């Protein structure tokens, strides 16, 4: 759900907790690799 929602949002125009979606995506993907 979380990933699908993020992918459907515009990367630069949205933010979560003051971070843009592209940053959140990057952190999420990095966490998945661990």
C-alpha atoms as a PDB file:
ATOM      1  CA  UNK A   1       0.000   0.000   0.000  1.00  0.00           C
ATOM      2  CA  UNK A   2       2.672   2.452   1.082  1.00  0.00           C
ATOM      3  CA  UNK A   3       4.876   1.856  -1.948  1.00  0.00           C
ATOM      4  CA  UNK A   4       1.977   1.965  -4.409  1.00  0.00           C
ATOM      5  CA  UNK A   5       0.729   5.236  -2.952  1.00  0.00           C
ATOM      6  CA  UNK A   6       4.161   6.852  -3.167  1.00  0.00           C
ATOM      7  CA  UNK A   7       4.674   5.733  -6.754  1.00  0.00           C
ATOM      8  CA  UNK A   8       1.402   7.365  -7.767  1.00  0.00           C
ATOM      9  CA  UNK A   9       2.339  10.724  -6.277  1.00  0.00           C
ATOM     10  CA  UNK A  10       4.499  13.336  -8.020  1.00  0.00           C
ATOM     11  CA  UNK A  11       7.996  13.085  -6.584  1.00  0.00           C
ATOM     12  CA  UNK A  12       8.824  16.751  -6.212  1.00  0.00           C
ATOM     13  CA  UNK A  13       5.430  18.219  -5.346  1.00  0.00           C
ATOM     14  CA  UNK A  14       4.679  16.177  -2.255  1.00  0.00           C
ATOM     15  CA  UNK A  15       6.286  15.836   1.140  1.00  0.00           C
ATOM     16  CA  UNK A  16       6.090  13.575   4.171  1.00  0.00           C
ATOM     17  CA  UNK A  17       7.323  15.052   7.429  1.00  0.00           C
ATOM     18  CA  UNK A  18       8.994  17.863   5.511  1.00  0.00           C
ATOM     19  CA  UNK A  19      10.791  15.511   3.144  1.00  0.00           C
ATOM     20  CA  UNK A  20       9.919  15.251  -0.524  1.00  0.00           C
ATOM     21  CA  UNK A  21       8.662  11.931  -1.834  1.00  0.00           C
ATOM     22  CA  UNK A  22      11.851  11.259  -3.768  1.00  0.00           C
ATOM     23  CA  UNK A  23      13.804  11.401  -0.492  1.00  0.00           C
ATOM     24  CA  UNK A  24      11.272   9.169   1.257  1.00  0.00           C
ATOM     25  CA  UNK A  25      11.424   6.712  -1.657  1.00  0.00           C
ATOM     26  CA  UNK A  26      15.200   6.686  -1.531  1.00  0.00           C
ATOM     27  CA  UNK A  27      15.224   5.989   2.209  1.00  0.00           C
ATOM     28  CA  UNK A  28      12.534   3.336   1.849  1.00  0.00           C
ATOM     29  CA  UNK A  29      14.411   1.532  -0.926  1.00  0.00           C
ATOM     30  CA  UNK A  30      17.642   1.683   1.072  1.00  0.00           C
ATOM     31  CA  UNK A  31      15.857   0.182   4.074  1.00  0.00           C
ATOM     32  CA  UNK A  32      14.437  -2.628   1.938  1.00  0.00           C
ATOM     33  CA  UNK A  33      17.932  -3.643   0.818  1.00  0.00           C
ATOM     34  CA  UNK A  34      19.188  -4.187   4.356  1.00  0.00           C
END
